[in-house]
Amino acid sequence: MINNKYIRIVRPDDSKQILEIYKPFILNSAATFEEEVPSLEHFKNRITTTLKECPYLVCEIDGEIAGYAYTSAYRRRAAYRWDRESISLCAPQFPKTKHCQSTLWSTHSHTQLARLC
């Protein structure tokens, strides 16, 4: 049973938990296009770099990070300046039935739209 679920902006000290959610997707699929798990320091740098220009959110359930969502620049070329890539991942112990992914995606989409205004 979910007692407390909320969405918030990521903090640098969330990096370790987020990397633990991301790691199985690197090791067990080709979805991430990564071949090696990044170091914690490198991953933390990715988060802080993304936050400079785009939203990066976490879904916290009962004090534990259940998932995260962020948007980042798709490519750095001028023609892509308005394109963004959106990512949303949830930890396996928080199945979709607990609405982690749908809550993240809904909040993240509204955050992105607000930034365009």
PDB file of N, CA and C in Angstrom:
ATOM      1  N   MET A   1       0.836  -1.185   0.000  1.00  0.00           N
ATOM      2  CA  MET A   1       0.000   0.000   0.000  1.00  0.00           C
ATOM      3  C   MET A   1       0.876   1.243   0.000  1.00  0.00           C
ATOM      4  N   ILE A   2       0.529   2.185  -0.857  1.00  0.00           N
ATOM      5  CA  ILE A   2       1.278   3.432  -0.936  1.00  0.00           C
ATOM      6  C   ILE A   2       0.748   4.393   0.119  1.00  0.00           C
ATOM      7  N   ASN A   3       1.628   4.856   0.986  1.00  0.00           N
ATOM      8  CA  ASN A   3       1.227   5.815   2.003  1.00  0.00           C
ATOM      9  C   ASN A   3       1.540   7.246   1.594  1.00  0.00           C
ATOM     10  N   ASN A   4       2.649   7.421   0.884  1.00  0.00           N
ATOM     11  CA  ASN A   4       3.088   8.764   0.566  1.00  0.00           C
ATOM     12  C   ASN A   4       3.812   8.752  -0.775  1.00  0.00           C
ATOM     13  N   LYS A   5       3.217   9.379  -1.783  1.00  0.00           N
ATOM     14  CA  LYS A   5       3.821   9.451  -3.111  1.00  0.00           C
ATOM     15  C   LYS A   5       3.821  10.898  -3.561  1.00  0.00           C
ATOM     16  N   TYR A   6       4.983  11.378  -4.000  1.00  0.00           N
ATOM     17  CA  TYR A   6       5.017  12.720  -4.564  1.00  0.00           C
ATOM     18  C   TYR A   6       6.151  12.873  -5.564  1.00  0.00           C
ATOM     19  N   ILE A   7       6.002  13.886  -6.391  1.00  0.00           N
ATOM     20  CA  ILE A   7       6.974  14.217  -7.429  1.00  0.00           C
ATOM     21  C   ILE A   7       7.727  15.454  -6.973  1.00  0.00           C
ATOM     22  N   ARG A   8       9.025  15.441  -7.180  1.00  0.00           N
ATOM     23  CA  ARG A   8       9.849  16.605  -6.828  1.00  0.00           C
ATOM     24  C   ARG A   8      11.015  16.723  -7.796  1.00  0.00           C
ATOM     25  N   ILE A   9      11.650  17.868  -7.765  1.00  0.00           N
ATOM     26  CA  ILE A   9      12.865  18.094  -8.554  1.00  0.00           C
ATOM     27  C   ILE A   9      13.984  17.256  -7.954  1.00  0.00           C
ATOM     28  N   VAL A  10      14.788  16.670  -8.818  1.00  0.00           N
ATOM     29  CA  VAL A  10      15.907  15.846  -8.374  1.00  0.00           C
ATOM     30  C   VAL A  10      16.915  16.683  -7.580  1.00  0.00           C
ATOM     31  N   ARG A  11      17.590  16.030  -6.641  1.00  0.00           N
ATOM     32  CA  ARG A  11      18.692  16.651  -5.896  1.00  0.00           C
ATOM     33  C   ARG A  11      19.967  15.878  -6.216  1.00  0.00           C
ATOM     34  N   PRO A  12      21.117  16.520  -6.172  1.00  0.00           N
ATOM     35  CA  PRO A  12      22.361  15.806  -6.484  1.00  0.00           C
ATOM     36  C   PRO A  12      22.570  14.538  -5.659  1.00  0.00           C
ATOM     37  N   ASP A  13      22.114  14.531  -4.409  1.00  0.00           N
ATOM     38  CA  ASP A  13      22.311  13.338  -3.576  1.00  0.00           C
ATOM     39  C   ASP A  13      21.367  12.181  -3.956  1.00  0.00           C
ATOM     40  N   ASP A  14      20.484  12.392  -4.928  1.00  0.00           N
ATOM     41  CA  ASP A  14      19.628  11.325  -5.459  1.00  0.00           C
ATOM     42  C   ASP A  14      20.353  10.469  -6.494  1.00  0.00           C
ATOM     43  N   SER A  15      21.511  10.913  -6.919  1.00  0.00           N
ATOM     44  CA  SER A  15      22.221  10.274  -8.032  1.00  0.00           C
ATOM     45  C   SER A  15      22.432   8.783  -7.837  1.00  0.00           C
ATOM     46  N   LYS A  16      22.814   8.363  -6.643  1.00  0.00           N
ATOM     47  CA  LYS A  16      23.091   6.953  -6.403  1.00  0.00           C
ATOM     48  C   LYS A  16      21.844   6.104  -6.599  1.00  0.00           C
ATOM     49  N   GLN A  17      20.714   6.529  -6.041  1.00  0.00           N
ATOM     50  CA  GLN A  17      19.471   5.765  -6.183  1.00  0.00           C
ATOM     51  C   GLN A  17      19.006   5.737  -7.637  1.00  0.00           C
ATOM     52  N   ILE A  18      19.153   6.847  -8.329  1.00  0.00           N
ATOM     53  CA  ILE A  18      18.735   6.910  -9.732  1.00  0.00           C
ATOM     54  C   ILE A  18      19.619   6.008 -10.586  1.00  0.00           C
ATOM     55  N   LEU A  19      20.914   6.017 -10.317  1.00  0.00           N
ATOM     56  CA  LEU A  19      21.823   5.143 -11.067  1.00  0.00           C
ATOM     57  C   LEU A  19      21.481   3.671 -10.832  1.00  0.00           C
ATOM     58  N   GLU A  20      21.052   3.317  -9.628  1.00  0.00           N
ATOM     59  CA  GLU A  20      20.654   1.940  -9.340  1.00  0.00           C
ATOM     60  C   GLU A  20      19.407   1.539 -10.142  1.00  0.00           C
ATOM     61  N   ILE A  21      18.515   2.487 -10.383  1.00  0.00           N
ATOM     62  CA  ILE A  21      17.342   2.217 -11.215  1.00  0.00           C
ATOM     63  C   ILE A  21      17.769   2.055 -12.673  1.00  0.00           C
ATOM     64  N   TYR A  22      18.703   2.873 -13.108  1.00  0.00           N
ATOM     65  CA  TYR A  22      19.157   2.895 -14.502  1.00  0.00           C
ATOM     66  C   TYR A  22      20.027   1.686 -14.855  1.00  0.00           C
ATOM     67  N   LYS A  23      20.833   1.227 -13.901  1.00  0.00           N
ATOM     68  CA  LYS A  23      21.827   0.179 -14.157  1.00  0.00           C
ATOM     69  C   LYS A  23      21.261  -1.079 -14.832  1.00  0.00           C
ATOM     70  N   PRO A  24      20.148  -1.649 -14.377  1.00  0.00           N
ATOM     71  CA  PRO A  24      19.636  -2.858 -15.047  1.00  0.00           C
ATOM     72  C   PRO A  24      19.265  -2.627 -16.512  1.00  0.00           C
ATOM     73  N   PHE A  25      18.847  -1.430 -16.838  1.00  0.00           N
ATOM     74  CA  PHE A  25      18.503  -1.124 -18.225  1.00  0.00           C
ATOM     75  C   PHE A  25      19.763  -1.103 -19.102  1.00  0.00           C
ATOM     76  N   ILE A  26      20.897  -0.712 -18.530  1.00  0.00           N
ATOM     77  CA  ILE A  26      22.173  -0.741 -19.261  1.00  0.00           C
ATOM     78  C   ILE A  26      22.647  -2.183 -19.419  1.00  0.00           C
ATOM     79  N   LEU A  27      22.618  -2.934 -18.334  1.00  0.00           N
ATOM     80  CA  LEU A  27      23.185  -4.276 -18.315  1.00  0.00           C
ATOM     81  C   LEU A  27      22.317  -5.330 -19.002  1.00  0.00           C
ATOM     82  N   ASN A  28      21.001  -5.131 -19.015  1.00  0.00           N
ATOM     83  CA  ASN A  28      20.101  -6.181 -19.485  1.00  0.00           C
ATOM     84  C   ASN A  28      19.303  -5.837 -20.736  1.00  0.00           C
ATOM     85  N   SER A  29      19.603  -4.726 -21.369  1.00  0.00           N
ATOM     86  CA  SER A  29      18.884  -4.371 -22.596  1.00  0.00           C
ATOM     87  C   SER A  29      19.772  -3.465 -23.455  1.00  0.00           C
ATOM     88  N   ALA A  30      19.303  -3.207 -24.643  1.00  0.00           N
ATOM     89  CA  ALA A  30      20.013  -2.279 -25.533  1.00  0.00           C
ATOM     90  C   ALA A  30      19.312  -0.925 -25.579  1.00  0.00           C
ATOM     91  N   ALA A  31      18.284  -0.751 -24.767  1.00  0.00           N
ATOM     92  CA  ALA A  31      17.442   0.445 -24.815  1.00  0.00           C
ATOM     93  C   ALA A  31      18.191   1.744 -24.525  1.00  0.00           C
ATOM     94  N   THR A  32      19.229   1.679 -23.704  1.00  0.00           N
ATOM     95  CA  THR A  32      19.924   2.904 -23.294  1.00  0.00           C
ATOM     96  C   THR A  32      21.025   3.324 -24.260  1.00  0.00           C
ATOM     97  N   PHE A  33      21.436   2.427 -25.146  1.00  0.00           N
ATOM     98  CA  PHE A  33      22.564   2.641 -26.049  1.00  0.00           C
ATOM     99  C   PHE A  33      23.880   2.826 -25.293  1.00  0.00           C
ATOM    100  N   GLU A  34      23.902   2.418 -24.040  1.00  0.00           N
ATOM    101  CA  GLU A  34      25.135   2.461 -23.244  1.00  0.00           C
ATOM    102  C   GLU A  34      25.649   1.036 -23.109  1.00  0.00           C
ATOM    103  N   GLU A  35      26.965   0.900 -23.073  1.00  0.00           N
ATOM    104  CA  GLU A  35      27.578  -0.420 -22.940  1.00  0.00           C
ATOM    105  C   GLU A  35      28.168  -0.646 -21.560  1.00  0.00           C
ATOM    106  N   GLU A  36      28.430   0.425 -20.832  1.00  0.00           N
ATOM    107  CA  GLU A  36      28.993   0.339 -19.488  1.00  0.00           C
ATOM    108  C   GLU A  36      28.236   1.256 -18.547  1.00  0.00           C
ATOM    109  N   VAL A  37      28.135   0.842 -17.313  1.00  0.00           N
ATOM    110  CA  VAL A  37      27.487   1.667 -16.290  1.00  0.00           C
ATOM    111  C   VAL A  37      28.414   2.841 -15.978  1.00  0.00           C
ATOM    112  N   PRO A  38      27.908   4.077 -16.068  1.00  0.00           N
ATOM    113  CA  PRO A  38      28.763   5.227 -15.755  1.00  0.00           C
ATOM    114  C   PRO A  38      29.106   5.281 -14.269  1.00  0.00           C
ATOM    115  N   SER A  39      30.212   5.936 -13.962  1.00  0.00           N
ATOM    116  CA  SER A  39      30.575   6.129 -12.557  1.00  0.00           C
ATOM    117  C   SER A  39      29.546   7.034 -11.895  1.00  0.00           C
ATOM    118  N   LEU A  40      29.467   6.962 -10.587  1.00  0.00           N
ATOM    119  CA  LEU A  40      28.520   7.796  -9.855  1.00  0.00           C
ATOM    120  C   LEU A  40      28.810   9.278 -10.098  1.00  0.00           C
ATOM    121  N   GLU A  41      30.073   9.651 -10.091  1.00  0.00           N
ATOM    122  CA  GLU A  41      30.444  11.054 -10.318  1.00  0.00           C
ATOM    123  C   GLU A  41      30.025  11.520 -11.715  1.00  0.00           C
ATOM    124  N   HIS A  42      30.257  10.696 -12.715  1.00  0.00           N
ATOM    125  CA  HIS A  42      29.861  11.038 -14.083  1.00  0.00           C
ATOM    126  C   HIS A  42      28.337  11.161 -14.186  1.00  0.00           C
ATOM    127  N   PHE A  43      27.628  10.251 -13.550  1.00  0.00           N
ATOM    128  CA  PHE A  43      26.164  10.267 -13.589  1.00  0.00           C
ATOM    129  C   PHE A  43      25.614  11.504 -12.887  1.00  0.00           C
ATOM    130  N   LYS A  44      26.212  11.841 -11.757  1.00  0.00           N
ATOM    131  CA  LYS A  44      25.799  13.045 -11.033  1.00  0.00           C
ATOM    132  C   LYS A  44      26.009  14.286 -11.906  1.00  0.00           C
ATOM    133  N   ASN A  45      27.093  14.313 -12.649  1.00  0.00           N
ATOM    134  CA  ASN A  45      27.374  15.419 -13.558  1.00  0.00           C
ATOM    135  C   ASN A  45      26.318  15.498 -14.664  1.00  0.00           C
ATOM    136  N   ARG A  46      25.894  14.355 -15.169  1.00  0.00           N
ATOM    137  CA  ARG A  46      24.826  14.345 -16.176  1.00  0.00           C
ATOM    138  C   ARG A  46      23.555  14.990 -15.632  1.00  0.00           C
ATOM    139  N   ILE A  47      23.217  14.641 -14.407  1.00  0.00           N
ATOM    140  CA  ILE A  47      22.005  15.186 -13.790  1.00  0.00           C
ATOM    141  C   ILE A  47      22.105  16.699 -13.635  1.00  0.00           C
ATOM    142  N   THR A  48      23.213  17.180 -13.089  1.00  0.00           N
ATOM    143  CA  THR A  48      23.347  18.630 -12.881  1.00  0.00           C
ATOM    144  C   THR A  48      23.408  19.384 -14.200  1.00  0.00           C
ATOM    145  N   THR A  49      24.004  18.788 -15.225  1.00  0.00           N
ATOM    146  CA  THR A  49      24.046  19.422 -16.545  1.00  0.00           C
ATOM    147  C   THR A  49      22.643  19.506 -17.140  1.00  0.00           C
ATOM    148  N   THR A  50      21.879  18.436 -17.031  1.00  0.00           N
ATOM    149  CA  THR A  50      20.511  18.425 -17.552  1.00  0.00           C
ATOM    150  C   THR A  50      19.647  19.462 -16.845  1.00  0.00           C
ATOM    151  N   LEU A  51      19.800  19.568 -15.535  1.00  0.00           N
ATOM    152  CA  LEU A  51      18.995  20.514 -14.752  1.00  0.00           C
ATOM    153  C   LEU A  51      19.216  21.974 -15.150  1.00  0.00           C
ATOM    154  N   LYS A  52      20.320  22.279 -15.767  1.00  0.00           N
ATOM    155  CA  LYS A  52      20.591  23.660 -16.176  1.00  0.00           C
ATOM    156  C   LYS A  52      19.635  24.146 -17.251  1.00  0.00           C
ATOM    157  N   GLU A  53      19.070  23.209 -18.035  1.00  0.00           N
ATOM    158  CA  GLU A  53      18.195  23.654 -19.112  1.00  0.00           C
ATOM    159  C   GLU A  53      16.863  22.910 -19.214  1.00  0.00           C
ATOM    160  N   CYS A  54      16.719  21.814 -18.503  1.00  0.00           N
ATOM    161  CA  CYS A  54      15.490  21.019 -18.613  1.00  0.00           C
ATOM    162  C   CYS A  54      15.078  20.458 -17.253  1.00  0.00           C
ATOM    163  N   PRO A  55      13.798  20.088 -17.103  1.00  0.00           N
ATOM    164  CA  PRO A  55      13.349  19.494 -15.837  1.00  0.00           C
ATOM    165  C   PRO A  55      13.866  18.071 -15.652  1.00  0.00           C
ATOM    166  N   TYR A  56      14.113  17.714 -14.418  1.00  0.00           N
ATOM    167  CA  TYR A  56      14.542  16.363 -14.033  1.00  0.00           C
ATOM    168  C   TYR A  56      13.799  16.064 -12.739  1.00  0.00           C
ATOM    169  N   LEU A  57      12.877  15.126 -12.787  1.00  0.00           N
ATOM    170  CA  LEU A  57      11.979  14.855 -11.666  1.00  0.00           C
ATOM    171  C   LEU A  57      12.175  13.452 -11.121  1.00  0.00           C
ATOM    172  N   VAL A  58      11.871  13.279  -9.844  1.00  0.00           N
ATOM    173  CA  VAL A  58      11.827  11.949  -9.249  1.00  0.00           C
ATOM    174  C   VAL A  58      10.448  11.727  -8.643  1.00  0.00           C
ATOM    175  N   CYS A  59      10.031  10.461  -8.649  1.00  0.00           N
ATOM    176  CA  CYS A  59       8.816  10.044  -7.964  1.00  0.00           C
ATOM    177  C   CYS A  59       9.276   9.334  -6.706  1.00  0.00           C
ATOM    178  N   GLU A  60       8.872   9.857  -5.584  1.00  0.00           N
ATOM    179  CA  GLU A  60       9.252   9.275  -4.304  1.00  0.00           C
ATOM    180  C   GLU A  60       8.022   8.619  -3.691  1.00  0.00           C
ATOM    181  N   ILE A  61       8.158   7.343  -3.329  1.00  0.00           N
ATOM    182  CA  ILE A  61       7.074   6.606  -2.695  1.00  0.00           C
ATOM    183  C   ILE A  61       7.566   6.119  -1.345  1.00  0.00           C
ATOM    184  N   ASP A  62       6.870   6.554  -0.309  1.00  0.00           N
ATOM    185  CA  ASP A  62       7.229   6.172   1.066  1.00  0.00           C
ATOM    186  C   ASP A  62       8.710   6.390   1.356  1.00  0.00           C
ATOM    187  N   GLY A  63       9.245   7.518   0.879  1.00  0.00           N
ATOM    188  CA  GLY A  63      10.629   7.899   1.170  1.00  0.00           C
ATOM    189  C   GLY A  63      11.682   7.279   0.279  1.00  0.00           C
ATOM    190  N   GLU A  64      11.282   6.470  -0.695  1.00  0.00           N
ATOM    191  CA  GLU A  64      12.238   5.818  -1.596  1.00  0.00           C
ATOM    192  C   GLU A  64      12.001   6.301  -3.029  1.00  0.00           C
ATOM    193  N   ILE A  65      13.070   6.562  -3.759  1.00  0.00           N
ATOM    194  CA  ILE A  65      12.913   6.981  -5.151  1.00  0.00           C
ATOM    195  C   ILE A  65      12.441   5.776  -5.957  1.00  0.00           C
ATOM    196  N   ALA A  66      11.243   5.909  -6.507  1.00  0.00           N
ATOM    197  CA  ALA A  66      10.624   4.828  -7.267  1.00  0.00           C
ATOM    198  C   ALA A  66      10.906   4.948  -8.752  1.00  0.00           C
ATOM    199  N   GLY A  67      11.177   6.160  -9.204  1.00  0.00           N
ATOM    200  CA  GLY A  67      11.431   6.372 -10.617  1.00  0.00           C
ATOM    201  C   GLY A  67      11.847   7.797 -10.873  1.00  0.00           C
ATOM    202  N   TYR A  68      12.181   8.060 -12.121  1.00  0.00           N
ATOM    203  CA  TYR A  68      12.609   9.406 -12.495  1.00  0.00           C
ATOM    204  C   TYR A  68      12.251   9.690 -13.943  1.00  0.00           C
ATOM    205  N   ALA A  69      12.196  10.967 -14.272  1.00  0.00           N
ATOM    206  CA  ALA A  69      11.907  11.399 -15.638  1.00  0.00           C
ATOM    207  C   ALA A  69      12.680  12.680 -15.898  1.00  0.00           C
ATOM    208  N   TYR A  70      13.178  12.802 -17.106  1.00  0.00           N
ATOM    209  CA  TYR A  70      13.871  14.031 -17.472  1.00  0.00           C
ATOM    210  C   TYR A  70      13.781  14.249 -18.967  1.00  0.00           C
ATOM    211  N   THR A  71      14.069  15.452 -19.362  1.00  0.00           N
ATOM    212  CA  THR A  71      14.139  15.820 -20.757  1.00  0.00           C
ATOM    213  C   THR A  71      15.511  16.429 -20.980  1.00  0.00           C
ATOM    214  N   SER A  72      16.085  16.133 -22.129  1.00  0.00           N
ATOM    215  CA  SER A  72      17.386  16.719 -22.451  1.00  0.00           C
ATOM    216  C   SER A  72      17.423  17.058 -23.928  1.00  0.00           C
ATOM    217  N   ALA A  73      18.399  17.859 -24.295  1.00  0.00           N
ATOM    218  CA  ALA A  73      18.567  18.228 -25.702  1.00  0.00           C
ATOM    219  C   ALA A  73      18.806  16.965 -26.517  1.00  0.00           C
ATOM    220  N   TYR A  74      18.180  16.886 -27.675  1.00  0.00           N
ATOM    221  CA  TYR A  74      18.331  15.711 -28.526  1.00  0.00           C
ATOM    222  C   TYR A  74      19.700  15.725 -29.204  1.00  0.00           C
ATOM    223  N   ARG A  75      20.015  16.818 -29.849  1.00  0.00           N
ATOM    224  CA  ARG A  75      21.317  17.013 -30.489  1.00  0.00           C
ATOM    225  C   ARG A  75      21.705  18.474 -30.326  1.00  0.00           C
ATOM    226  N   ARG A  76      22.959  18.769 -30.418  1.00  0.00           N
ATOM    227  CA  ARG A  76      23.443  20.134 -30.196  1.00  0.00           C
ATOM    228  C   ARG A  76      23.470  20.998 -31.462  1.00  0.00           C
ATOM    229  N   ARG A  77      23.107  20.464 -32.592  1.00  0.00           N
ATOM    230  CA  ARG A  77      23.099  21.259 -33.831  1.00  0.00           C
ATOM    231  C   ARG A  77      21.920  22.232 -33.823  1.00  0.00           C
ATOM    232  N   ALA A  78      22.107  23.359 -34.498  1.00  0.00           N
ATOM    233  CA  ALA A  78      21.110  24.437 -34.488  1.00  0.00           C
ATOM    234  C   ALA A  78      19.725  23.976 -34.936  1.00  0.00           C
ATOM    235  N   ALA A  79      19.648  23.131 -35.922  1.00  0.00           N
ATOM    236  CA  ALA A  79      18.344  22.690 -36.442  1.00  0.00           C
ATOM    237  C   ALA A  79      17.555  21.872 -35.407  1.00  0.00           C
ATOM    238  N   TYR A  80      18.241  21.345 -34.406  1.00  0.00           N
ATOM    239  CA  TYR A  80      17.583  20.544 -33.367  1.00  0.00           C
ATOM    240  C   TYR A  80      17.284  21.346 -32.098  1.00  0.00           C
ATOM    241  N   ARG A  81      17.457  22.649 -32.128  1.00  0.00           N
ATOM    242  CA  ARG A  81      17.386  23.443 -30.891  1.00  0.00           C
ATOM    243  C   ARG A  81      16.067  23.320 -30.135  1.00  0.00           C
ATOM    244  N   TRP A  82      14.971  22.959 -30.809  1.00  0.00           N
ATOM    245  CA  TRP A  82      13.688  22.814 -30.128  1.00  0.00           C
ATOM    246  C   TRP A  82      13.352  21.361 -29.822  1.00  0.00           C
ATOM    247  N   ASP A  83      14.148  20.443 -30.318  1.00  0.00           N
ATOM    248  CA  ASP A  83      13.886  19.022 -30.072  1.00  0.00           C
ATOM    249  C   ASP A  83      14.390  18.610 -28.700  1.00  0.00           C
ATOM    250  N   ARG A  84      13.626  17.773 -28.042  1.00  0.00           N
ATOM    251  CA  ARG A  84      14.008  17.251 -26.737  1.00  0.00           C
ATOM    252  C   ARG A  84      13.739  15.752 -26.707  1.00  0.00           C
ATOM    253  N   GLU A  85      14.544  15.047 -25.955  1.00  0.00           N
ATOM    254  CA  GLU A  85      14.366  13.624 -25.735  1.00  0.00           C
ATOM    255  C   GLU A  85      13.880  13.455 -24.300  1.00  0.00           C
ATOM    256  N   SER A  86      12.807  12.711 -24.113  1.00  0.00           N
ATOM    257  CA  SER A  86      12.261  12.504 -22.776  1.00  0.00           C
ATOM    258  C   SER A  86      12.454  11.053 -22.352  1.00  0.00           C
ATOM    259  N   ILE A  87      12.843  10.872 -21.099  1.00  0.00           N
ATOM    260  CA  ILE A  87      13.101   9.557 -20.527  1.00  0.00           C
ATOM    261  C   ILE A  87      12.290   9.422 -19.245  1.00  0.00           C
ATOM    262  N   SER A  88      11.737   8.251 -19.024  1.00  0.00           N
ATOM    263  CA  SER A  88      11.014   7.967 -17.789  1.00  0.00           C
ATOM    264  C   SER A  88      11.244   6.503 -17.429  1.00  0.00           C
ATOM    265  N   LEU A  89      11.828   6.253 -16.258  1.00  0.00           N
ATOM    266  CA  LEU A  89      12.114   4.890 -15.805  1.00  0.00           C
ATOM    267  C   LEU A  89      11.671   4.709 -14.362  1.00  0.00           C
ATOM    268  N   CYS A  90      11.167   3.532 -14.043  1.00  0.00           N
ATOM    269  CA  CYS A  90      10.778   3.204 -12.674  1.00  0.00           C
ATOM    270  C   CYS A  90      11.504   1.948 -12.222  1.00  0.00           C
ATOM    271  N   ALA A  91      11.779   1.888 -10.943  1.00  0.00           N
ATOM    272  CA  ALA A  91      12.442   0.726 -10.351  1.00  0.00           C
ATOM    273  C   ALA A  91      11.517  -0.484 -10.440  1.00  0.00           C
ATOM    274  N   PRO A  92      12.077  -1.683 -10.611  1.00  0.00           N
ATOM    275  CA  PRO A  92      11.244  -2.876 -10.770  1.00  0.00           C
ATOM    276  C   PRO A  92      10.341  -3.186  -9.574  1.00  0.00           C
ATOM    277  N   GLN A  93      10.734  -2.764  -8.387  1.00  0.00           N
ATOM    278  CA  GLN A  93       9.890  -3.039  -7.216  1.00  0.00           C
ATOM    279  C   GLN A  93       8.675  -2.113  -7.142  1.00  0.00           C
ATOM    280  N   PHE A  94       8.584  -1.163  -8.069  1.00  0.00           N
ATOM    281  CA  PHE A  94       7.428  -0.271  -8.136  1.00  0.00           C
ATOM    282  C   PHE A  94       6.754  -0.461  -9.487  1.00  0.00           C
ATOM    283  N   PRO A  95       5.957  -1.524  -9.614  1.00  0.00           N
ATOM    284  CA  PRO A  95       5.337  -1.821 -10.905  1.00  0.00           C
ATOM    285  C   PRO A  95       4.370  -0.725 -11.335  1.00  0.00           C
ATOM    286  N   LYS A  96       4.030  -0.765 -12.599  1.00  0.00           N
ATOM    287  CA  LYS A  96       3.134   0.245 -13.170  1.00  0.00           C
ATOM    288  C   LYS A  96       1.807   0.328 -12.428  1.00  0.00           C
ATOM    289  N   THR A  97       1.408  -0.743 -11.766  1.00  0.00           N
ATOM    290  CA  THR A  97       0.137  -0.717 -11.038  1.00  0.00           C
ATOM    291  C   THR A  97       0.155   0.303  -9.901  1.00  0.00           C
ATOM    292  N   LYS A  98       1.328   0.705  -9.477  1.00  0.00           N
ATOM    293  CA  LYS A  98       1.420   1.727  -8.431  1.00  0.00           C
ATOM    294  C   LYS A  98       1.473   3.142  -9.020  1.00  0.00           C
ATOM    295  N   HIS A  99       1.331   3.230 -10.326  1.00  0.00           N
ATOM    296  CA  HIS A  99       1.197   4.509 -11.029  1.00  0.00           C
ATOM    297  C   HIS A  99       2.442   5.395 -10.970  1.00  0.00           C
ATOM    298  N   CYS A 100       3.589   4.846 -10.723  1.00  0.00           N
ATOM    299  CA  CYS A 100       4.831   5.623 -10.710  1.00  0.00           C
ATOM    300  C   CYS A 100       5.059   6.267 -12.077  1.00  0.00           C
ATOM    301  N   GLN A 101       5.060   5.447 -13.123  1.00  0.00           N
ATOM    302  CA  GLN A 101       5.377   5.943 -14.456  1.00  0.00           C
ATOM    303  C   GLN A 101       4.342   6.940 -14.958  1.00  0.00           C
ATOM    304  N   SER A 102       3.060   6.648 -14.789  1.00  0.00           N
ATOM    305  CA  SER A 102       2.038   7.564 -15.292  1.00  0.00           C
ATOM    306  C   SER A 102       2.052   8.890 -14.530  1.00  0.00           C
ATOM    307  N   THR A 103       2.310   8.855 -13.243  1.00  0.00           N
ATOM    308  CA  THR A 103       2.403  10.089 -12.456  1.00  0.00           C
ATOM    309  C   THR A 103       3.600  10.912 -12.904  1.00  0.00           C
ATOM    310  N   LEU A 104       4.741  10.253 -13.085  1.00  0.00           N
ATOM    311  CA  LEU A 104       5.935  10.960 -13.553  1.00  0.00           C
ATOM    312  C   LEU A 104       5.697  11.578 -14.921  1.00  0.00           C
ATOM    313  N   TRP A 105       5.163  10.790 -15.829  1.00  0.00           N
ATOM    314  CA  TRP A 105       4.994  11.264 -17.201  1.00  0.00           C
ATOM    315  C   TRP A 105       4.024  12.443 -17.267  1.00  0.00           C
ATOM    316  N   SER A 106       2.936  12.353 -16.539  1.00  0.00           N
ATOM    317  CA  SER A 106       1.956  13.434 -16.531  1.00  0.00           C
ATOM    318  C   SER A 106       2.554  14.721 -15.970  1.00  0.00           C
ATOM    319  N   THR A 107       3.216  14.615 -14.833  1.00  0.00           N
ATOM    320  CA  THR A 107       3.832  15.796 -14.212  1.00  0.00           C
ATOM    321  C   THR A 107       4.939  16.346 -15.084  1.00  0.00           C
ATOM    322  N   HIS A 108       5.738  15.460 -15.637  1.00  0.00           N
ATOM    323  CA  HIS A 108       6.857  15.880 -16.475  1.00  0.00           C
ATOM    324  C   HIS A 108       6.366  16.603 -17.718  1.00  0.00           C
ATOM    325  N   SER A 109       5.325  16.090 -18.353  1.00  0.00           N
ATOM    326  CA  SER A 109       4.769  16.723 -19.549  1.00  0.00           C
ATOM    327  C   SER A 109       4.258  18.118 -19.247  1.00  0.00           C
ATOM    328  N   HIS A 110       3.564  18.288 -18.127  1.00  0.00           N
ATOM    329  CA  HIS A 110       3.074  19.611 -17.749  1.00  0.00           C
ATOM    330  C   HIS A 110       4.226  20.565 -17.447  1.00  0.00           C
ATOM    331  N   THR A 111       5.282  20.053 -16.825  1.00  0.00           N
ATOM    332  CA  THR A 111       6.458  20.884 -16.527  1.00  0.00           C
ATOM    333  C   THR A 111       7.107  21.366 -17.804  1.00  0.00           C
ATOM    334  N   GLN A 112       7.227  20.468 -18.782  1.00  0.00           N
ATOM    335  CA  GLN A 112       7.820  20.848 -20.059  1.00  0.00           C
ATOM    336  C   GLN A 112       6.989  21.911 -20.755  1.00  0.00           C
ATOM    337  N   LEU A 113       5.670  21.738 -20.772  1.00  0.00           N
ATOM    338  CA  LEU A 113       4.807  22.730 -21.410  1.00  0.00           C
ATOM    339  C   LEU A 113       4.921  24.089 -20.717  1.00  0.00           C
ATOM    340  N   ALA A 114       5.003  24.091 -19.420  1.00  0.00           N
ATOM    341  CA  ALA A 114       5.121  25.356 -18.671  1.00  0.00           C
ATOM    342  C   ALA A 114       6.414  26.084 -19.020  1.00  0.00           C
ATOM    343  N   ARG A 115       7.473  25.361 -19.285  1.00  0.00           N
ATOM    344  CA  ARG A 115       8.751  25.978 -19.635  1.00  0.00           C
ATOM    345  C   ARG A 115       8.694  26.656 -21.003  1.00  0.00           C
ATOM    346  N   LEU A 116       7.772  26.226 -21.866  1.00  0.00           N
ATOM    347  CA  LEU A 116       7.678  26.799 -23.209  1.00  0.00           C
ATOM    348  C   LEU A 116       6.932  28.131 -23.213  1.00  0.00           C
ATOM    349  N   CYS A 117       6.158  28.391 -22.193  1.00  0.00           N
ATOM    350  CA  CYS A 117       5.342  29.622 -22.138  1.00  0.00           C
ATOM    351  C   CYS A 117       6.158  30.840 -21.741  1.00  0.00           C
TER     352      CYS A 117
END
